[in-house]
Amino acid sequence: MPMIMANHINLYYEEHGAGEPLVFIHGLGSSTRDWEFQISKFSRSYRVITFDLRGHGQSDKPSGPYTIPLLAADLASLFQALHVTSAHLVGISLGGAIAFQFALDYQAMVKTLTIVNSGPSLGGTPEQAQQEIERRVGIVQQLGMRAMGETLGPNLFPKPEHAALRETFMPAGQRMIHVGISKRHARCWAGI
C-alpha cells in the first residue's frame, strides 16, 4: 500500500504512467476510486497521481477541524514529497474546491485547472448552503453512503446510456474506507 508522509500525516496515493504530472482530487466521502476509469486512459500520456484526502480512504484520519486551505496544504506537501514542481489538476466536487484553493495558494505549481461538478462554495445563500449540508449529512448518517450514491447518481449520470455508470457509482460508497461523514467534513466543503 503506497503511503507517503505529507503535512505531518500519511497519505495514500497511487501513480500510473509517465510524462507531465496530472493529479486527480476526489470528492467528499470518496477516494482514489473516483478515478479508476480515467487512470487507464490518461496514464498513456501523463504521470497520473491520485490520492486519498486526509480523513478519507486509506489516508490518516486525524481529528479536525478540516479546512479547504489545510487540504490544499496537504496537496502541496504531497507534491514536495513526490518531487512534483507543477502539475495539471482535476478536482471533482470537494476536490474542485481544493483545486481552486491550491491554485490561489500555490499558483506556480498549477499548469492547468479542471473543475468538475464543483465551485469554490456551495452557492446560494448561507441558509441554502446550510440546508444542503444538513440534507447530505443526514442522508449519510441515517442511510449510509449507498443512499448518498442513489441520491446523487441520477443527477451526475442522467442519461439512459449512463445506467452502467450509475450502477457503478451508487454502491461505491459501501466499498470506501473513510471516517463517518460529519458536519465538520461538510462544513469544510461549504467553506463555513
N, C-alpha and C. Protein backbone atom coordinates (compact mmCIF):
# COMPACT_ATOMS: atom_id res chain seq x y z
N MET A 1 0.86 -1.17 0.00
CA MET A 1 0.00 0.00 0.00
C MET A 1 0.90 1.23 0.00
N PRO A 2 0.89 2.06 -1.07
CA PRO A 2 1.76 3.22 -1.12
C PRO A 2 1.27 4.36 -0.22
N MET A 3 2.04 4.65 0.80
CA MET A 3 1.75 5.75 1.72
C MET A 3 2.94 6.69 1.69
N ILE A 4 2.67 7.98 1.92
CA ILE A 4 3.75 8.95 1.96
C ILE A 4 3.42 9.98 3.04
N MET A 5 4.44 10.42 3.75
CA MET A 5 4.25 11.44 4.78
C MET A 5 4.14 12.80 4.09
N ALA A 6 3.03 13.48 4.32
CA ALA A 6 2.79 14.80 3.72
C ALA A 6 2.04 15.64 4.73
N ASN A 7 2.58 16.79 5.05
CA ASN A 7 1.95 17.70 6.00
C ASN A 7 1.67 17.01 7.34
N HIS A 8 2.61 16.20 7.77
CA HIS A 8 2.59 15.52 9.07
C HIS A 8 1.57 14.40 9.19
N ILE A 9 1.04 13.92 8.08
CA ILE A 9 0.15 12.76 8.10
C ILE A 9 0.54 11.81 6.97
N ASN A 10 0.08 10.57 7.06
CA ASN A 10 0.29 9.61 5.98
C ASN A 10 -0.85 9.71 4.99
N LEU A 11 -0.50 9.96 3.73
CA LEU A 11 -1.50 9.99 2.66
C LEU A 11 -1.31 8.77 1.77
N TYR A 12 -2.41 8.10 1.46
CA TYR A 12 -2.39 7.02 0.49
C TYR A 12 -2.38 7.66 -0.89
N TYR A 13 -1.55 7.13 -1.80
CA TYR A 13 -1.50 7.67 -3.15
C TYR A 13 -1.20 6.54 -4.13
N GLU A 14 -1.48 6.80 -5.39
CA GLU A 14 -1.15 5.89 -6.49
C GLU A 14 -0.55 6.71 -7.62
N GLU A 15 0.39 6.10 -8.35
CA GLU A 15 0.97 6.71 -9.54
C GLU A 15 0.88 5.71 -10.68
N HIS A 16 0.55 6.22 -11.85
CA HIS A 16 0.44 5.40 -13.06
C HIS A 16 0.98 6.20 -14.23
N GLY A 17 1.71 5.55 -15.13
CA GLY A 17 2.18 6.20 -16.36
C GLY A 17 3.38 7.08 -16.15
N ALA A 18 3.71 7.81 -17.22
CA ALA A 18 4.86 8.71 -17.21
C ALA A 18 4.52 9.94 -18.05
N GLY A 19 5.24 11.01 -17.80
CA GLY A 19 5.02 12.25 -18.52
C GLY A 19 4.77 13.38 -17.54
N GLU A 20 4.11 14.44 -18.00
CA GLU A 20 3.77 15.55 -17.11
C GLU A 20 2.82 15.05 -16.03
N PRO A 21 2.97 15.52 -14.79
CA PRO A 21 2.07 15.10 -13.73
C PRO A 21 0.64 15.60 -13.95
N LEU A 22 -0.30 14.72 -13.73
CA LEU A 22 -1.73 15.00 -13.79
C LEU A 22 -2.32 14.46 -12.49
N VAL A 23 -2.81 15.36 -11.65
CA VAL A 23 -3.29 14.98 -10.31
C VAL A 23 -4.81 15.07 -10.27
N PHE A 24 -5.43 13.98 -9.85
CA PHE A 24 -6.89 13.92 -9.69
C PHE A 24 -7.22 14.02 -8.20
N ILE A 25 -8.18 14.89 -7.85
CA ILE A 25 -8.59 15.10 -6.46
C ILE A 25 -10.06 14.70 -6.32
N HIS A 26 -10.31 13.71 -5.47
CA HIS A 26 -11.67 13.16 -5.32
C HIS A 26 -12.58 14.05 -4.48
N GLY A 27 -13.84 13.64 -4.38
CA GLY A 27 -14.84 14.40 -3.65
C GLY A 27 -15.04 13.93 -2.22
N LEU A 28 -15.93 14.60 -1.51
CA LEU A 28 -16.22 14.34 -0.11
C LEU A 28 -16.71 12.91 0.09
N GLY A 29 -16.10 12.24 1.05
CA GLY A 29 -16.51 10.88 1.40
C GLY A 29 -16.09 9.84 0.40
N SER A 30 -15.20 10.18 -0.50
CA SER A 30 -14.82 9.27 -1.57
C SER A 30 -13.34 8.89 -1.43
N SER A 31 -12.72 8.50 -2.55
CA SER A 31 -11.33 8.06 -2.50
C SER A 31 -10.75 8.06 -3.92
N THR A 32 -9.56 7.52 -4.05
CA THR A 32 -8.92 7.41 -5.36
C THR A 32 -9.79 6.63 -6.34
N ARG A 33 -10.68 5.83 -5.84
CA ARG A 33 -11.54 5.01 -6.71
C ARG A 33 -12.42 5.85 -7.63
N ASP A 34 -12.62 7.12 -7.30
CA ASP A 34 -13.39 8.01 -8.19
C ASP A 34 -12.80 8.03 -9.60
N TRP A 35 -11.51 7.75 -9.71
CA TRP A 35 -10.79 7.98 -10.95
C TRP A 35 -10.41 6.70 -11.69
N GLU A 36 -10.94 5.55 -11.28
CA GLU A 36 -10.49 4.30 -11.89
C GLU A 36 -10.72 4.26 -13.41
N PHE A 37 -11.74 4.91 -13.91
CA PHE A 37 -11.98 4.90 -15.36
C PHE A 37 -11.04 5.86 -16.10
N GLN A 38 -10.60 6.91 -15.43
CA GLN A 38 -9.73 7.89 -16.07
C GLN A 38 -8.27 7.46 -16.07
N ILE A 39 -7.86 6.70 -15.07
CA ILE A 39 -6.44 6.34 -14.92
C ILE A 39 -5.90 5.63 -16.16
N SER A 40 -6.60 4.62 -16.65
CA SER A 40 -6.07 3.85 -17.78
C SER A 40 -5.92 4.72 -19.03
N LYS A 41 -6.83 5.61 -19.25
CA LYS A 41 -6.77 6.49 -20.43
C LYS A 41 -5.64 7.52 -20.31
N PHE A 42 -5.62 8.25 -19.21
CA PHE A 42 -4.67 9.35 -19.08
C PHE A 42 -3.25 8.90 -18.77
N SER A 43 -3.08 7.72 -18.18
CA SER A 43 -1.72 7.26 -17.85
C SER A 43 -0.94 6.88 -19.10
N ARG A 44 -1.58 6.83 -20.25
CA ARG A 44 -0.85 6.60 -21.51
C ARG A 44 0.01 7.80 -21.89
N SER A 45 -0.38 8.99 -21.41
CA SER A 45 0.31 10.22 -21.79
C SER A 45 0.84 11.04 -20.61
N TYR A 46 0.39 10.73 -19.41
CA TYR A 46 0.73 11.53 -18.23
C TYR A 46 1.19 10.65 -17.07
N ARG A 47 1.87 11.26 -16.14
CA ARG A 47 2.16 10.65 -14.84
C ARG A 47 0.93 10.95 -13.98
N VAL A 48 0.02 10.02 -13.91
CA VAL A 48 -1.24 10.22 -13.19
C VAL A 48 -1.02 9.93 -11.70
N ILE A 49 -1.42 10.89 -10.88
CA ILE A 49 -1.32 10.76 -9.44
C ILE A 49 -2.72 10.92 -8.86
N THR A 50 -3.14 9.93 -8.08
CA THR A 50 -4.38 10.02 -7.32
C THR A 50 -4.01 9.83 -5.85
N PHE A 51 -4.81 10.36 -4.97
CA PHE A 51 -4.53 10.21 -3.54
C PHE A 51 -5.82 10.33 -2.76
N ASP A 52 -5.81 9.78 -1.55
CA ASP A 52 -6.94 9.91 -0.65
C ASP A 52 -6.70 11.12 0.25
N LEU A 53 -7.65 12.03 0.26
CA LEU A 53 -7.57 13.19 1.14
C LEU A 53 -7.47 12.74 2.60
N ARG A 54 -6.96 13.60 3.45
CA ARG A 54 -6.97 13.28 4.89
C ARG A 54 -8.41 13.00 5.30
N GLY A 55 -8.57 12.02 6.18
CA GLY A 55 -9.91 11.66 6.63
C GLY A 55 -10.68 10.79 5.67
N HIS A 56 -10.07 10.37 4.58
CA HIS A 56 -10.74 9.59 3.55
C HIS A 56 -9.92 8.35 3.19
N GLY A 57 -10.61 7.36 2.64
CA GLY A 57 -9.94 6.19 2.10
C GLY A 57 -8.92 5.61 3.06
N GLN A 58 -7.72 5.40 2.55
CA GLN A 58 -6.67 4.76 3.32
C GLN A 58 -5.70 5.76 3.96
N SER A 59 -5.96 7.06 3.79
CA SER A 59 -5.12 8.08 4.41
C SER A 59 -5.43 8.20 5.90
N ASP A 60 -4.52 8.84 6.65
CA ASP A 60 -4.75 9.08 8.07
C ASP A 60 -6.01 9.90 8.27
N LYS A 61 -6.59 9.72 9.44
CA LYS A 61 -7.84 10.39 9.78
C LYS A 61 -7.69 11.13 11.11
N PRO A 62 -6.83 12.15 11.14
CA PRO A 62 -6.64 12.89 12.38
C PRO A 62 -7.89 13.70 12.73
N SER A 63 -7.98 14.09 14.00
CA SER A 63 -9.12 14.91 14.38
C SER A 63 -9.03 16.26 13.67
N GLY A 64 -10.14 16.90 13.51
CA GLY A 64 -10.23 18.16 12.78
C GLY A 64 -9.86 19.35 13.62
N PRO A 65 -10.23 20.53 13.18
CA PRO A 65 -11.10 20.74 12.02
C PRO A 65 -10.35 20.60 10.70
N TYR A 66 -11.08 20.22 9.67
CA TYR A 66 -10.55 20.15 8.31
C TYR A 66 -11.02 21.40 7.58
N THR A 67 -10.12 22.03 6.89
CA THR A 67 -10.48 23.22 6.12
C THR A 67 -9.96 23.04 4.70
N ILE A 68 -10.52 23.80 3.79
CA ILE A 68 -10.06 23.75 2.41
C ILE A 68 -8.59 24.17 2.33
N PRO A 69 -8.15 25.25 3.00
CA PRO A 69 -6.72 25.58 2.96
C PRO A 69 -5.83 24.47 3.51
N LEU A 70 -6.27 23.76 4.55
CA LEU A 70 -5.49 22.64 5.09
C LEU A 70 -5.36 21.52 4.06
N LEU A 71 -6.45 21.20 3.38
CA LEU A 71 -6.41 20.14 2.37
C LEU A 71 -5.54 20.56 1.17
N ALA A 72 -5.56 21.84 0.84
CA ALA A 72 -4.67 22.34 -0.23
C ALA A 72 -3.22 22.25 0.23
N ALA A 73 -2.94 22.54 1.48
CA ALA A 73 -1.58 22.42 2.01
C ALA A 73 -1.12 20.97 2.01
N ASP A 74 -2.03 20.04 2.29
CA ASP A 74 -1.70 18.61 2.19
C ASP A 74 -1.24 18.29 0.78
N LEU A 75 -1.96 18.82 -0.20
CA LEU A 75 -1.60 18.55 -1.60
C LEU A 75 -0.23 19.14 -1.93
N ALA A 76 0.04 20.35 -1.46
CA ALA A 76 1.35 20.96 -1.71
C ALA A 76 2.46 20.12 -1.10
N SER A 77 2.22 19.59 0.08
CA SER A 77 3.21 18.74 0.74
C SER A 77 3.37 17.41 -0.02
N LEU A 78 2.28 16.89 -0.56
CA LEU A 78 2.35 15.68 -1.39
C LEU A 78 3.20 15.95 -2.62
N PHE A 79 2.99 17.09 -3.27
CA PHE A 79 3.82 17.48 -4.43
C PHE A 79 5.29 17.43 -4.05
N GLN A 80 5.62 18.05 -2.92
CA GLN A 80 7.02 18.11 -2.48
C GLN A 80 7.56 16.70 -2.23
N ALA A 81 6.79 15.86 -1.56
CA ALA A 81 7.24 14.51 -1.25
C ALA A 81 7.45 13.66 -2.51
N LEU A 82 6.65 13.93 -3.55
CA LEU A 82 6.75 13.17 -4.80
C LEU A 82 7.63 13.88 -5.84
N HIS A 83 8.27 14.98 -5.44
CA HIS A 83 9.16 15.74 -6.32
C HIS A 83 8.42 16.26 -7.55
N VAL A 84 7.22 16.76 -7.32
CA VAL A 84 6.40 17.37 -8.38
C VAL A 84 6.51 18.89 -8.21
N THR A 85 7.02 19.56 -9.23
CA THR A 85 7.14 21.03 -9.15
C THR A 85 5.87 21.72 -9.63
N SER A 86 5.19 21.13 -10.62
CA SER A 86 3.91 21.66 -11.09
C SER A 86 3.15 20.53 -11.78
N ALA A 87 1.83 20.68 -11.85
CA ALA A 87 1.00 19.61 -12.40
C ALA A 87 -0.29 20.17 -12.96
N HIS A 88 -0.92 19.36 -13.78
CA HIS A 88 -2.29 19.60 -14.22
C HIS A 88 -3.17 19.07 -13.10
N LEU A 89 -4.19 19.84 -12.68
CA LEU A 89 -5.08 19.42 -11.60
C LEU A 89 -6.49 19.20 -12.13
N VAL A 90 -7.11 18.12 -11.66
CA VAL A 90 -8.51 17.85 -11.94
C VAL A 90 -9.17 17.56 -10.60
N GLY A 91 -10.20 18.33 -10.25
CA GLY A 91 -10.90 18.11 -8.99
C GLY A 91 -12.39 17.99 -9.21
N ILE A 92 -13.00 17.05 -8.51
CA ILE A 92 -14.45 16.88 -8.58
C ILE A 92 -15.06 17.19 -7.22
N SER A 93 -16.14 17.94 -7.23
CA SER A 93 -16.89 18.28 -6.02
C SER A 93 -15.96 18.92 -4.99
N LEU A 94 -15.81 18.34 -3.80
CA LEU A 94 -14.88 18.88 -2.80
C LEU A 94 -13.48 19.01 -3.39
N GLY A 95 -13.07 18.05 -4.22
CA GLY A 95 -11.76 18.12 -4.87
C GLY A 95 -11.62 19.36 -5.73
N GLY A 96 -12.71 19.81 -6.33
CA GLY A 96 -12.68 21.05 -7.11
C GLY A 96 -12.45 22.27 -6.23
N ALA A 97 -13.10 22.28 -5.06
CA ALA A 97 -12.89 23.39 -4.13
C ALA A 97 -11.43 23.42 -3.66
N ILE A 98 -10.86 22.25 -3.41
CA ILE A 98 -9.45 22.16 -3.01
C ILE A 98 -8.56 22.64 -4.15
N ALA A 99 -8.88 22.26 -5.37
CA ALA A 99 -8.09 22.69 -6.53
C ALA A 99 -8.14 24.21 -6.69
N PHE A 100 -9.31 24.82 -6.49
CA PHE A 100 -9.41 26.28 -6.54
C PHE A 100 -8.47 26.91 -5.50
N GLN A 101 -8.53 26.39 -4.27
CA GLN A 101 -7.70 26.94 -3.20
C GLN A 101 -6.22 26.74 -3.50
N PHE A 102 -5.89 25.56 -4.00
CA PHE A 102 -4.50 25.25 -4.34
C PHE A 102 -3.99 26.24 -5.40
N ALA A 103 -4.83 26.52 -6.39
CA ALA A 103 -4.43 27.46 -7.45
C ALA A 103 -4.20 28.87 -6.90
N LEU A 104 -4.95 29.25 -5.88
CA LEU A 104 -4.75 30.56 -5.25
C LEU A 104 -3.49 30.58 -4.40
N ASP A 105 -3.29 29.52 -3.61
CA ASP A 105 -2.19 29.49 -2.65
C ASP A 105 -0.85 29.06 -3.24
N TYR A 106 -0.88 28.27 -4.32
CA TYR A 106 0.33 27.69 -4.89
C TYR A 106 0.32 27.84 -6.41
N GLN A 107 0.07 29.04 -6.87
CA GLN A 107 -0.14 29.32 -8.29
C GLN A 107 0.95 28.75 -9.18
N ALA A 108 2.21 28.85 -8.78
CA ALA A 108 3.31 28.37 -9.62
C ALA A 108 3.31 26.85 -9.79
N MET A 109 2.57 26.14 -8.94
CA MET A 109 2.54 24.68 -9.02
C MET A 109 1.42 24.15 -9.92
N VAL A 110 0.63 25.05 -10.51
CA VAL A 110 -0.53 24.65 -11.32
C VAL A 110 -0.26 24.95 -12.79
N LYS A 111 -0.27 23.88 -13.62
CA LYS A 111 -0.14 24.06 -15.07
C LYS A 111 -1.51 24.35 -15.67
N THR A 112 -2.50 23.52 -15.34
CA THR A 112 -3.88 23.73 -15.78
C THR A 112 -4.80 23.32 -14.65
N LEU A 113 -6.02 23.80 -14.71
CA LEU A 113 -7.00 23.55 -13.67
C LEU A 113 -8.31 23.11 -14.32
N THR A 114 -8.77 21.92 -13.98
CA THR A 114 -10.05 21.43 -14.50
C THR A 114 -10.95 21.12 -13.31
N ILE A 115 -12.10 21.76 -13.28
CA ILE A 115 -13.04 21.61 -12.17
C ILE A 115 -14.28 20.89 -12.68
N VAL A 116 -14.68 19.84 -11.97
CA VAL A 116 -15.83 19.02 -12.37
C VAL A 116 -16.88 19.07 -11.27
N ASN A 117 -18.10 19.49 -11.62
CA ASN A 117 -19.22 19.45 -10.68
C ASN A 117 -18.86 20.11 -9.35
N SER A 118 -18.33 21.32 -9.42
CA SER A 118 -17.85 21.97 -8.21
C SER A 118 -17.83 23.47 -8.38
N GLY A 119 -17.53 24.12 -7.29
CA GLY A 119 -17.32 25.56 -7.27
C GLY A 119 -16.58 25.89 -6.00
N PRO A 120 -16.21 27.15 -5.82
CA PRO A 120 -15.47 27.50 -4.61
C PRO A 120 -16.33 27.43 -3.35
N SER A 121 -17.65 27.33 -3.50
CA SER A 121 -18.55 27.14 -2.35
C SER A 121 -19.82 26.48 -2.88
N LEU A 122 -20.75 26.15 -1.99
CA LEU A 122 -21.99 25.50 -2.43
C LEU A 122 -22.90 26.45 -3.17
N GLY A 123 -22.72 27.75 -3.02
CA GLY A 123 -23.56 28.72 -3.71
C GLY A 123 -24.86 28.97 -2.97
N GLY A 124 -25.64 29.87 -3.53
CA GLY A 124 -26.88 30.26 -2.88
C GLY A 124 -26.61 31.07 -1.63
N THR A 125 -27.64 31.26 -0.85
CA THR A 125 -27.49 31.98 0.40
C THR A 125 -26.81 31.08 1.43
N PRO A 126 -26.25 31.65 2.48
CA PRO A 126 -25.68 30.80 3.53
C PRO A 126 -26.71 29.82 4.11
N GLU A 127 -27.95 30.25 4.19
CA GLU A 127 -29.01 29.38 4.71
C GLU A 127 -29.26 28.20 3.77
N GLN A 128 -29.27 28.46 2.46
CA GLN A 128 -29.46 27.38 1.48
C GLN A 128 -28.29 26.41 1.52
N ALA A 129 -27.07 26.94 1.64
CA ALA A 129 -25.89 26.08 1.73
C ALA A 129 -25.98 25.21 2.98
N GLN A 130 -26.40 25.80 4.10
CA GLN A 130 -26.52 25.06 5.35
C GLN A 130 -27.58 23.96 5.21
N GLN A 131 -28.70 24.25 4.56
CA GLN A 131 -29.74 23.25 4.36
C GLN A 131 -29.22 22.08 3.52
N GLU A 132 -28.44 22.38 2.48
CA GLU A 132 -27.88 21.32 1.64
C GLU A 132 -26.88 20.48 2.42
N ILE A 133 -26.07 21.12 3.24
CA ILE A 133 -25.14 20.38 4.09
C ILE A 133 -25.90 19.44 5.01
N GLU A 134 -26.90 19.98 5.69
CA GLU A 134 -27.68 19.16 6.62
C GLU A 134 -28.36 18.01 5.90
N ARG A 135 -28.86 18.25 4.70
CA ARG A 135 -29.53 17.19 3.94
C ARG A 135 -28.55 16.07 3.62
N ARG A 136 -27.37 16.43 3.10
CA ARG A 136 -26.39 15.41 2.72
C ARG A 136 -25.82 14.67 3.92
N VAL A 137 -25.52 15.40 4.98
CA VAL A 137 -25.01 14.76 6.19
C VAL A 137 -26.07 13.81 6.75
N GLY A 138 -27.31 14.26 6.77
CA GLY A 138 -28.40 13.42 7.28
C GLY A 138 -28.57 12.15 6.48
N ILE A 139 -28.50 12.24 5.17
CA ILE A 139 -28.62 11.05 4.32
C ILE A 139 -27.54 10.05 4.67
N VAL A 140 -26.29 10.52 4.76
CA VAL A 140 -25.18 9.61 5.03
C VAL A 140 -25.27 9.04 6.44
N GLN A 141 -25.54 9.88 7.43
CA GLN A 141 -25.57 9.41 8.80
C GLN A 141 -26.74 8.45 9.05
N GLN A 142 -27.88 8.69 8.44
CA GLN A 142 -29.06 7.86 8.69
C GLN A 142 -29.17 6.67 7.75
N LEU A 143 -28.74 6.84 6.50
CA LEU A 143 -28.99 5.81 5.50
C LEU A 143 -27.72 5.22 4.89
N GLY A 144 -26.57 5.88 5.10
CA GLY A 144 -25.30 5.34 4.60
C GLY A 144 -24.89 5.92 3.25
N MET A 145 -23.66 5.53 2.87
CA MET A 145 -23.08 6.05 1.63
C MET A 145 -23.82 5.57 0.39
N ARG A 146 -24.35 4.36 0.40
CA ARG A 146 -25.09 3.90 -0.77
C ARG A 146 -26.29 4.81 -1.04
N ALA A 147 -26.97 5.21 0.02
CA ALA A 147 -28.12 6.11 -0.15
C ALA A 147 -27.67 7.44 -0.75
N MET A 148 -26.50 7.92 -0.34
CA MET A 148 -25.99 9.17 -0.93
C MET A 148 -25.73 8.96 -2.41
N GLY A 149 -25.14 7.81 -2.75
CA GLY A 149 -24.91 7.50 -4.16
C GLY A 149 -26.21 7.44 -4.94
N GLU A 150 -27.23 6.85 -4.34
CA GLU A 150 -28.53 6.76 -5.00
C GLU A 150 -29.17 8.14 -5.17
N THR A 151 -28.88 9.04 -4.25
CA THR A 151 -29.40 10.40 -4.34
C THR A 151 -28.66 11.20 -5.41
N LEU A 152 -27.33 11.10 -5.41
CA LEU A 152 -26.52 11.90 -6.34
C LEU A 152 -26.41 11.28 -7.73
N GLY A 153 -26.41 9.95 -7.81
CA GLY A 153 -26.19 9.24 -9.07
C GLY A 153 -27.05 9.71 -10.23
N PRO A 154 -28.37 9.79 -10.06
CA PRO A 154 -29.22 10.23 -11.18
C PRO A 154 -28.91 11.64 -11.67
N ASN A 155 -28.43 12.51 -10.78
CA ASN A 155 -28.06 13.86 -11.21
C ASN A 155 -26.72 13.88 -11.93
N LEU A 156 -25.79 13.05 -11.47
CA LEU A 156 -24.47 13.02 -12.09
C LEU A 156 -24.46 12.26 -13.41
N PHE A 157 -25.32 11.25 -13.52
CA PHE A 157 -25.38 10.40 -14.72
C PHE A 157 -26.84 10.29 -15.17
N PRO A 158 -27.40 11.37 -15.74
CA PRO A 158 -28.83 11.43 -16.01
C PRO A 158 -29.33 10.69 -17.25
N LYS A 159 -28.47 10.43 -18.20
CA LYS A 159 -28.93 9.88 -19.47
C LYS A 159 -29.12 8.36 -19.39
N PRO A 160 -30.04 7.83 -20.21
CA PRO A 160 -30.26 6.37 -20.20
C PRO A 160 -28.97 5.58 -20.47
N GLU A 161 -28.11 6.10 -21.35
CA GLU A 161 -26.87 5.39 -21.66
C GLU A 161 -25.86 5.43 -20.50
N HIS A 162 -26.17 6.18 -19.44
CA HIS A 162 -25.31 6.26 -18.26
C HIS A 162 -25.69 5.22 -17.20
N ALA A 163 -26.63 4.35 -17.50
CA ALA A 163 -27.13 3.39 -16.50
C ALA A 163 -26.01 2.58 -15.87
N ALA A 164 -25.07 2.09 -16.66
CA ALA A 164 -23.97 1.29 -16.11
C ALA A 164 -23.10 2.13 -15.18
N LEU A 165 -22.86 3.39 -15.53
CA LEU A 165 -22.08 4.27 -14.66
C LEU A 165 -22.82 4.53 -13.34
N ARG A 166 -24.14 4.74 -13.42
CA ARG A 166 -24.92 4.94 -12.20
C ARG A 166 -24.80 3.73 -11.29
N GLU A 167 -24.90 2.54 -11.88
CA GLU A 167 -24.82 1.31 -11.09
C GLU A 167 -23.45 1.13 -10.47
N THR A 168 -22.40 1.59 -11.13
CA THR A 168 -21.04 1.52 -10.57
C THR A 168 -20.88 2.56 -9.46
N PHE A 169 -21.43 3.74 -9.69
CA PHE A 169 -21.26 4.85 -8.75
C PHE A 169 -22.01 4.61 -7.45
N MET A 170 -23.23 4.16 -7.51
CA MET A 170 -24.07 4.09 -6.32
C MET A 170 -23.53 3.20 -5.22
N PRO A 171 -23.05 2.00 -5.50
CA PRO A 171 -22.53 1.19 -4.40
C PRO A 171 -21.10 1.52 -4.01
N ALA A 172 -20.46 2.44 -4.72
CA ALA A 172 -19.05 2.73 -4.43
C ALA A 172 -18.85 3.17 -2.99
N GLY A 173 -19.81 3.87 -2.43
CA GLY A 173 -19.69 4.33 -1.06
C GLY A 173 -19.54 3.19 -0.07
N GLN A 174 -20.13 2.05 -0.36
CA GLN A 174 -20.02 0.92 0.55
C GLN A 174 -18.62 0.33 0.54
N ARG A 175 -17.86 0.49 -0.56
CA ARG A 175 -16.52 -0.06 -0.64
C ARG A 175 -15.49 0.82 0.03
N MET A 176 -15.83 2.09 0.24
CA MET A 176 -14.84 3.05 0.71
C MET A 176 -14.56 2.86 2.19
N ILE A 177 -13.30 3.08 2.53
CA ILE A 177 -12.88 3.08 3.92
C ILE A 177 -12.66 4.54 4.26
N HIS A 178 -13.50 5.11 5.10
CA HIS A 178 -13.36 6.52 5.44
C HIS A 178 -13.97 6.77 6.80
N VAL A 179 -13.67 7.92 7.37
CA VAL A 179 -14.33 8.28 8.62
C VAL A 179 -15.77 8.59 8.29
N GLY A 180 -16.63 8.47 9.28
CA GLY A 180 -18.02 8.83 9.04
C GLY A 180 -18.12 10.27 8.62
N ILE A 181 -18.98 10.55 7.67
CA ILE A 181 -19.16 11.93 7.24
C ILE A 181 -19.76 12.69 8.41
N SER A 182 -19.12 13.73 8.79
CA SER A 182 -19.60 14.53 9.90
C SER A 182 -19.85 15.95 9.43
N LYS A 183 -20.43 16.73 10.28
CA LYS A 183 -20.68 18.13 9.93
C LYS A 183 -19.37 18.86 9.69
N ARG A 184 -18.29 18.47 10.37
CA ARG A 184 -17.02 19.17 10.16
C ARG A 184 -16.54 18.96 8.74
N HIS A 185 -16.72 17.74 8.17
CA HIS A 185 -16.33 17.49 6.78
C HIS A 185 -17.21 18.31 5.83
N ALA A 186 -18.50 18.28 6.07
CA ALA A 186 -19.42 19.00 5.19
C ALA A 186 -19.17 20.51 5.28
N ARG A 187 -18.92 21.02 6.48
CA ARG A 187 -18.66 22.44 6.65
C ARG A 187 -17.37 22.83 5.94
N CYS A 188 -16.40 21.93 5.95
CA CYS A 188 -15.15 22.19 5.24
C CYS A 188 -15.45 22.42 3.76
N TRP A 189 -16.26 21.56 3.18
CA TRP A 189 -16.60 21.68 1.76
C TRP A 189 -17.37 22.96 1.51
N ALA A 190 -18.25 23.32 2.41
CA ALA A 190 -19.06 24.52 2.20
C ALA A 190 -18.28 25.79 2.51
N GLY A 191 -17.15 25.64 3.16
CA GLY A 191 -16.35 26.81 3.50
C GLY A 191 -16.91 27.58 4.68
N ILE A 192 -17.67 26.89 5.54
CA ILE A 192 -18.23 27.59 6.72
C ILE A 192 -17.78 26.90 7.99
